[in-house]
Amino acid sequence: MPGLKFSVDIDNRLRTHDYQVMLFFVPVSIDPRNVYTKNVTAGRTRVFVTVVPLKPGFVFRPEQAILQFAGQRHAGVAGYEFGRRDAQGRWIEQGSDWQHWPLPAAYALSEPGRRYRLSIDFAVPVPSPESSDILLDLSGALKSDSQPPLPPIRFMPLRWDEGYT
């Protein structure tokens, strides 16, 4: 996109089975439950958006984001920035724990070239990673008056393929 570099990830990685082999006794335990490996809060979906504005003027409005799947549209309910802050709330490079800090309804991305690690929560259970109709509309959530709106983002259906180690 002109004036903006960004990447998007959704917290819907699903592990479908867990096999464990115990040393010495050889029994195999099987956990047949489906487990969302990245889900932060049950009943909510979090979308991670990493943004590097190349020009000033972009504003992040998480409540304007729309997540659509299974024929339903869901607006964002909260926005966060991942980083470190001091006791006065200023961003720092070290000396604090990494956290997802709540953001106001409109957050100016005022430093061109800076990497903003943002996220948006939606009050809906996590969609299956195998769904073919997951769509994210950030056109109202990440915009600049001098740039065209972002096109809708479609997520490809994928099966879980991570190792257990």
Protein backbone atom coordinates (compact mmCIF):
# COMPACT_ATOMS: atom_id res chain seq x y z
CA MET A 1 0.00 0.00 0.00
CA PRO A 2 1.30 3.48 -0.74
CA GLY A 3 2.61 5.14 2.41
CA LEU A 4 2.23 2.07 4.60
CA LYS A 5 3.80 -1.33 5.24
CA PHE A 6 1.74 -3.76 7.28
CA SER A 7 1.14 -7.40 8.10
CA VAL A 8 -1.89 -9.08 9.64
CA ASP A 9 -2.24 -12.27 11.68
CA ILE A 10 -5.30 -13.76 13.37
CA ASP A 11 -5.13 -15.82 16.58
CA ASN A 12 -6.96 -18.85 15.19
CA ARG A 13 -4.22 -21.46 15.01
CA LEU A 14 -5.95 -24.69 15.95
CA ARG A 15 -4.18 -27.81 17.17
CA THR A 16 -6.52 -30.71 16.52
CA HIS A 17 -4.80 -33.58 18.37
CA ASP A 18 -1.95 -33.95 20.80
CA TYR A 19 -0.02 -37.21 21.07
CA GLN A 20 2.46 -37.72 23.87
CA VAL A 21 4.81 -40.65 24.32
CA MET A 22 6.14 -41.24 27.81
CA LEU A 23 9.64 -42.58 28.22
CA PHE A 24 10.20 -45.69 30.33
CA PHE A 25 6.54 -46.83 30.28
CA VAL A 26 5.68 -46.59 26.58
CA PRO A 27 1.95 -45.70 27.05
CA VAL A 28 0.67 -43.16 24.59
CA SER A 29 -1.68 -40.45 25.79
CA ILE A 30 -4.00 -38.79 23.33
CA ASP A 31 -5.64 -35.43 23.88
CA PRO A 32 -8.53 -35.29 21.37
CA ARG A 33 -9.58 -31.74 22.26
CA ASN A 34 -9.20 -28.89 19.80
CA VAL A 35 -6.87 -26.26 21.25
CA TYR A 36 -6.38 -22.73 19.91
CA THR A 37 -2.67 -22.26 20.55
CA LYS A 38 -2.53 -18.45 20.36
CA ASN A 39 -5.94 -17.43 21.72
CA VAL A 40 -5.50 -14.81 24.45
CA THR A 41 -9.05 -14.63 25.87
CA ALA A 42 -11.78 -17.24 25.52
CA GLY A 43 -14.78 -15.96 23.56
CA ARG A 44 -12.73 -13.28 21.82
CA THR A 45 -10.75 -13.12 18.62
CA ARG A 46 -7.59 -11.03 18.47
CA VAL A 47 -6.16 -9.79 15.19
CA PHE A 48 -2.53 -8.64 15.22
CA VAL A 49 -1.61 -5.78 12.88
CA THR A 50 2.04 -4.73 12.53
CA VAL A 51 2.26 -1.32 10.86
CA VAL A 52 5.14 0.84 9.62
CA PRO A 53 3.80 4.16 8.31
CA LEU A 54 6.04 5.64 5.63
CA LYS A 55 4.24 8.99 5.74
CA PRO A 56 2.61 10.89 8.63
CA GLY A 57 -1.15 11.15 8.99
CA PHE A 58 -2.30 7.57 9.67
CA VAL A 59 -4.77 7.06 12.52
CA PHE A 60 -5.64 3.71 14.10
CA ARG A 61 -9.30 3.34 15.10
CA PRO A 62 -9.77 -0.26 16.31
CA GLU A 63 -13.52 0.04 16.82
CA GLN A 64 -13.90 0.77 13.09
CA ALA A 65 -12.39 -2.59 12.10
CA ILE A 66 -14.80 -5.24 10.82
CA LEU A 67 -14.19 -9.00 11.03
CA GLN A 68 -16.61 -10.99 8.89
CA PHE A 69 -17.15 -14.76 8.75
CA ALA A 70 -20.04 -17.24 8.73
CA GLY A 71 -22.27 -14.54 7.25
CA GLN A 72 -21.88 -12.20 10.25
CA ARG A 73 -20.04 -8.89 10.71
CA HIS A 74 -18.30 -8.07 13.99
CA ALA A 75 -16.89 -4.65 14.92
CA GLY A 76 -13.71 -4.28 16.95
CA VAL A 77 -14.26 -3.72 20.66
CA ALA A 78 -10.75 -2.77 21.83
CA GLY A 79 -7.31 -1.90 20.50
CA TYR A 80 -3.86 -2.49 21.96
CA GLU A 81 -0.22 -1.74 21.29
CA PHE A 82 2.40 -4.28 22.27
CA GLY A 83 5.45 -2.72 23.88
CA ARG A 84 7.10 -1.43 27.04
CA ARG A 85 6.17 1.65 29.08
CA ASP A 86 7.62 3.33 32.14
CA ALA A 87 5.69 4.39 35.28
CA GLN A 88 4.61 7.64 33.54
CA GLY A 89 3.23 5.77 30.52
CA ARG A 90 6.01 6.74 28.07
CA TRP A 91 7.27 4.18 25.57
CA ILE A 92 10.72 2.82 26.50
CA GLU A 93 13.18 0.37 24.93
CA GLN A 94 14.11 -1.57 28.08
CA GLY A 95 13.47 -1.79 31.80
CA SER A 96 9.86 -2.97 31.75
CA ASP A 97 7.78 -6.00 30.81
CA TRP A 98 6.31 -6.41 27.35
CA GLN A 99 2.52 -5.95 27.45
CA HIS A 100 -0.50 -5.26 25.29
CA TRP A 101 -1.36 -1.69 26.34
CA PRO A 102 -4.95 -0.44 25.80
CA LEU A 103 -5.32 2.31 23.20
CA PRO A 104 -7.81 5.17 22.90
CA ALA A 105 -10.56 5.15 20.25
CA ALA A 106 -8.27 7.11 17.87
CA TYR A 107 -4.49 6.62 18.05
CA ALA A 108 -2.24 8.67 15.77
CA LEU A 109 0.63 6.77 14.16
CA SER A 110 2.72 9.91 14.17
CA GLU A 111 6.25 8.55 13.69
CA PRO A 112 7.02 7.53 10.08
CA GLY A 113 9.37 4.54 10.00
CA ARG A 114 8.45 3.32 13.49
CA ARG A 115 7.08 -0.24 13.81
CA TYR A 116 3.73 -0.23 15.64
CA ARG A 117 2.68 -3.65 16.99
CA LEU A 118 -1.09 -3.19 17.21
CA SER A 119 -3.95 -5.58 17.86
CA ILE A 120 -7.73 -5.50 17.75
CA ASP A 121 -10.12 -7.59 19.87
CA PHE A 122 -13.47 -8.74 18.52
CA ALA A 123 -16.20 -10.02 20.90
CA VAL A 124 -16.74 -13.26 19.00
CA PRO A 125 -15.30 -16.76 19.43
CA VAL A 126 -12.32 -17.57 17.24
CA PRO A 127 -13.25 -18.67 13.70
CA SER A 128 -11.95 -21.99 12.44
CA PRO A 129 -8.67 -21.68 10.51
CA GLU A 130 -10.26 -23.90 7.88
CA SER A 131 -13.03 -21.36 7.16
CA SER A 132 -12.84 -19.98 3.66
CA ASP A 133 -14.94 -16.86 4.31
CA ILE A 134 -12.87 -14.91 6.89
CA LEU A 135 -12.60 -11.27 5.82
CA LEU A 136 -11.03 -8.33 7.66
CA ASP A 137 -11.92 -4.76 6.70
CA LEU A 138 -9.42 -2.21 8.04
CA SER A 139 -10.50 0.61 5.69
CA GLY A 140 -12.03 2.58 8.58
CA ALA A 141 -9.59 1.41 11.25
CA LEU A 142 -6.29 2.32 9.62
CA LYS A 143 -6.59 5.36 7.44
CA SER A 144 -5.02 8.57 6.33
CA ASP A 145 -6.70 11.52 4.62
CA SER A 146 -3.93 11.57 2.00
CA GLN A 147 -3.97 7.82 1.15
CA PRO A 148 -6.57 5.52 -0.46
CA PRO A 149 -8.48 3.18 1.90
CA LEU A 150 -7.10 -0.30 2.51
CA PRO A 151 -8.79 -3.09 0.56
CA PRO A 152 -10.49 -5.94 2.46
CA ILE A 153 -8.15 -8.73 3.58
CA ARG A 154 -9.15 -12.36 3.04
CA PHE A 155 -7.57 -15.14 5.09
CA MET A 156 -6.75 -18.40 3.33
CA PRO A 157 -8.05 -21.59 4.98
CA LEU A 158 -5.15 -23.63 6.39
CA ARG A 159 -4.81 -26.77 8.46
CA TRP A 160 -2.60 -26.78 11.52
CA ASP A 161 0.97 -27.82 10.71
CA GLU A 162 3.10 -26.96 13.72
CA GLY A 163 5.25 -29.52 15.49
CA TYR A 164 4.87 -30.50 19.13
CA THR A 165 8.46 -29.84 20.13
